Amino acid sequence: MYIAKVVGHVVATKKDSKLIGKPLLVVAPMNGVSKEFDNMNLLVAVDSVGAGVGETVLLTTGSSASRFEDSAGGPIDAAIIGIIDVMEIQD
């Protein structure tokens, strides 16, 4: 799992049938433990939890991402699987 920040939305009127009805969000993965987000490496992730722009989320990638809900086997590389309420990082 990774930590990322939701920075935008994607609208795709034509897409794989397993993605129909699934929100697509643009996320910026967190850069290490510095509490900074890496806006140079943006990803598109399927949202399974109702996240919104500005929220910090848990992100899974690879084969784990394509196994959630009714999208099993769909062409999914990244999925948002949780919304982070509080995060503490000790220096």
C-alpha atoms as a PDB file:
ATOM      1  CA  MET A   1       0.000   0.000   0.000  1.00  0.00           C
ATOM      2  CA  TYR A   2       0.971   3.583  -0.584  1.00  0.00           C
ATOM      3  CA  ILE A   3      -0.117   6.966   0.722  1.00  0.00           C
ATOM      4  CA  ALA A   4      -1.316   9.495  -1.838  1.00  0.00           C
ATOM      5  CA  LYS A   5      -3.276  12.719  -2.145  1.00  0.00           C
ATOM      6  CA  VAL A   6      -6.251  13.061  -4.488  1.00  0.00           C
ATOM      7  CA  VAL A   7      -5.518  15.998  -6.795  1.00  0.00           C
ATOM      8  CA  GLY A   8      -8.156  15.678  -9.525  1.00  0.00           C
ATOM      9  CA  HIS A   9     -10.780  13.754 -11.496  1.00  0.00           C
ATOM     10  CA  VAL A  10     -10.698  11.922 -14.822  1.00  0.00           C
ATOM     11  CA  VAL A  11     -13.711  11.783 -17.132  1.00  0.00           C
ATOM     12  CA  ALA A  12     -13.581   9.039 -19.757  1.00  0.00           C
ATOM     13  CA  THR A  13     -16.769   8.569 -21.759  1.00  0.00           C
ATOM     14  CA  LYS A  14     -15.418   5.457 -23.476  1.00  0.00           C
ATOM     15  CA  LYS A  15     -13.705   2.852 -21.321  1.00  0.00           C
ATOM     16  CA  ASP A  16     -13.540  -0.849 -20.560  1.00  0.00           C
ATOM     17  CA  SER A  17     -16.923  -2.241 -19.496  1.00  0.00           C
ATOM     18  CA  LYS A  18     -15.565  -3.227 -16.059  1.00  0.00           C
ATOM     19  CA  LEU A  19     -14.783   0.442 -15.383  1.00  0.00           C
ATOM     20  CA  ILE A  20     -18.260   1.767 -16.197  1.00  0.00           C
ATOM     21  CA  GLY A  21     -19.693   3.489 -13.145  1.00  0.00           C
ATOM     22  CA  LYS A  22     -16.345   3.561 -11.347  1.00  0.00           C
ATOM     23  CA  PRO A  23     -14.974   6.989 -10.366  1.00  0.00           C
ATOM     24  CA  LEU A  24     -11.479   7.681 -11.678  1.00  0.00           C
ATOM     25  CA  LEU A  25      -9.313  10.043  -9.634  1.00  0.00           C
ATOM     26  CA  VAL A  26      -5.865  11.541 -10.166  1.00  0.00           C
ATOM     27  CA  VAL A  27      -3.569  10.895  -7.203  1.00  0.00           C
ATOM     28  CA  ALA A  28      -0.104  12.138  -6.254  1.00  0.00           C
ATOM     29  CA  PRO A  29       1.866   9.490  -4.332  1.00  0.00           C
ATOM     30  CA  MET A  30       3.551  10.602  -1.132  1.00  0.00           C
ATOM     31  CA  ASN A  31       7.290  11.164  -1.445  1.00  0.00           C
ATOM     32  CA  GLY A  32       8.842   9.022   1.300  1.00  0.00           C
ATOM     33  CA  VAL A  33       7.984  10.095   4.844  1.00  0.00           C
ATOM     34  CA  SER A  34       8.491  13.828   4.297  1.00  0.00           C
ATOM     35  CA  LYS A  35       4.733  14.632   4.177  1.00  0.00           C
ATOM     36  CA  GLU A  36       5.287  16.058   0.683  1.00  0.00           C
ATOM     37  CA  PHE A  37       3.406  14.772  -2.321  1.00  0.00           C
ATOM     38  CA  ASP A  38       5.107  13.928  -5.608  1.00  0.00           C
ATOM     39  CA  ASN A  39       3.067  15.827  -8.211  1.00  0.00           C
ATOM     40  CA  MET A  40       5.498  14.774 -10.945  1.00  0.00           C
ATOM     41  CA  ASN A  41       4.376  11.126 -10.781  1.00  0.00           C
ATOM     42  CA  LEU A  42       0.602  11.337 -10.980  1.00  0.00           C
ATOM     43  CA  LEU A  43      -1.497   8.173 -11.250  1.00  0.00           C
ATOM     44  CA  VAL A  44      -5.090   7.499 -12.237  1.00  0.00           C
ATOM     45  CA  ALA A  45      -6.784   5.307  -9.642  1.00  0.00           C
ATOM     46  CA  VAL A  46     -10.211   3.703  -9.416  1.00  0.00           C
ATOM     47  CA  ASP A  47     -11.974   4.953  -6.284  1.00  0.00           C
ATOM     48  CA  SER A  48     -13.686   2.265  -4.238  1.00  0.00           C
ATOM     49  CA  VAL A  49     -14.367   4.337  -1.105  1.00  0.00           C
ATOM     50  CA  GLY A  50     -15.806   7.702  -2.184  1.00  0.00           C
ATOM     51  CA  ALA A  51     -12.677   9.822  -1.800  1.00  0.00           C
ATOM     52  CA  GLY A  52     -12.607  13.446  -2.875  1.00  0.00           C
ATOM     53  CA  VAL A  53     -10.092  15.991  -4.102  1.00  0.00           C
ATOM     54  CA  GLY A  54      -7.754  17.075  -1.310  1.00  0.00           C
ATOM     55  CA  GLU A  55      -8.091  13.902   0.737  1.00  0.00           C
ATOM     56  CA  THR A  56      -5.162  11.716   1.718  1.00  0.00           C
ATOM     57  CA  VAL A  57      -5.806   8.098   0.759  1.00  0.00           C
ATOM     58  CA  LEU A  58      -4.479   4.560   0.890  1.00  0.00           C
ATOM     59  CA  LEU A  59      -3.554   3.346  -2.558  1.00  0.00           C
ATOM     60  CA  THR A  60      -2.862  -0.152  -3.789  1.00  0.00           C
ATOM     61  CA  THR A  61      -1.302  -0.987  -7.133  1.00  0.00           C
ATOM     62  CA  GLY A  62      -0.653  -3.977  -9.362  1.00  0.00           C
ATOM     63  CA  SER A  63      -2.672  -7.173  -9.240  1.00  0.00           C
ATOM     64  CA  SER A  64      -4.171  -6.281  -5.838  1.00  0.00           C
ATOM     65  CA  ALA A  65      -5.790  -3.194  -7.354  1.00  0.00           C
ATOM     66  CA  SER A  66      -7.701  -5.203  -9.945  1.00  0.00           C
ATOM     67  CA  ARG A  67      -9.304  -7.495  -7.355  1.00  0.00           C
ATOM     68  CA  PHE A  68     -11.676  -5.159  -5.556  1.00  0.00           C
ATOM     69  CA  GLU A  69     -15.483  -5.236  -5.717  1.00  0.00           C
ATOM     70  CA  ASP A  70     -16.995  -6.311  -9.044  1.00  0.00           C
ATOM     71  CA  SER A  71     -14.019  -5.143 -11.115  1.00  0.00           C
ATOM     72  CA  ALA A  72     -12.068  -8.384 -10.759  1.00  0.00           C
ATOM     73  CA  GLY A  73      -9.985  -8.955 -13.837  1.00  0.00           C
ATOM     74  CA  GLY A  74     -10.506  -5.415 -15.083  1.00  0.00           C
ATOM     75  CA  PRO A  75      -7.655  -3.295 -16.451  1.00  0.00           C
ATOM     76  CA  ILE A  76      -6.874  -1.561 -13.144  1.00  0.00           C
ATOM     77  CA  ASP A  77      -3.332  -0.592 -12.132  1.00  0.00           C
ATOM     78  CA  ALA A  78      -4.190   1.505  -9.058  1.00  0.00           C
ATOM     79  CA  ALA A  79      -7.131   1.592  -6.640  1.00  0.00           C
ATOM     80  CA  ILE A  80      -8.008   3.806  -3.701  1.00  0.00           C
ATOM     81  CA  ILE A  81      -8.907   1.474  -0.837  1.00  0.00           C
ATOM     82  CA  GLY A  82      -9.117   3.822   2.153  1.00  0.00           C
ATOM     83  CA  ILE A  83      -9.307   7.439   3.284  1.00  0.00           C
ATOM     84  CA  ILE A  84      -6.761   8.485   5.909  1.00  0.00           C
ATOM     85  CA  ASP A  85      -8.245  10.491   8.771  1.00  0.00           C
ATOM     86  CA  VAL A  86      -5.077  10.983  10.822  1.00  0.00           C
ATOM     87  CA  MET A  87      -1.463  10.242  10.055  1.00  0.00           C
ATOM     88  CA  GLU A  88       1.487  10.669  12.389  1.00  0.00           C
ATOM     89  CA  ILE A  89       5.047  10.507  11.136  1.00  0.00           C
ATOM     90  CA  GLN A  90       7.828  10.708  13.685  1.00  0.00           C
ATOM     91  CA  ASP A  91      11.109  12.297  12.669  1.00  0.00           C
END
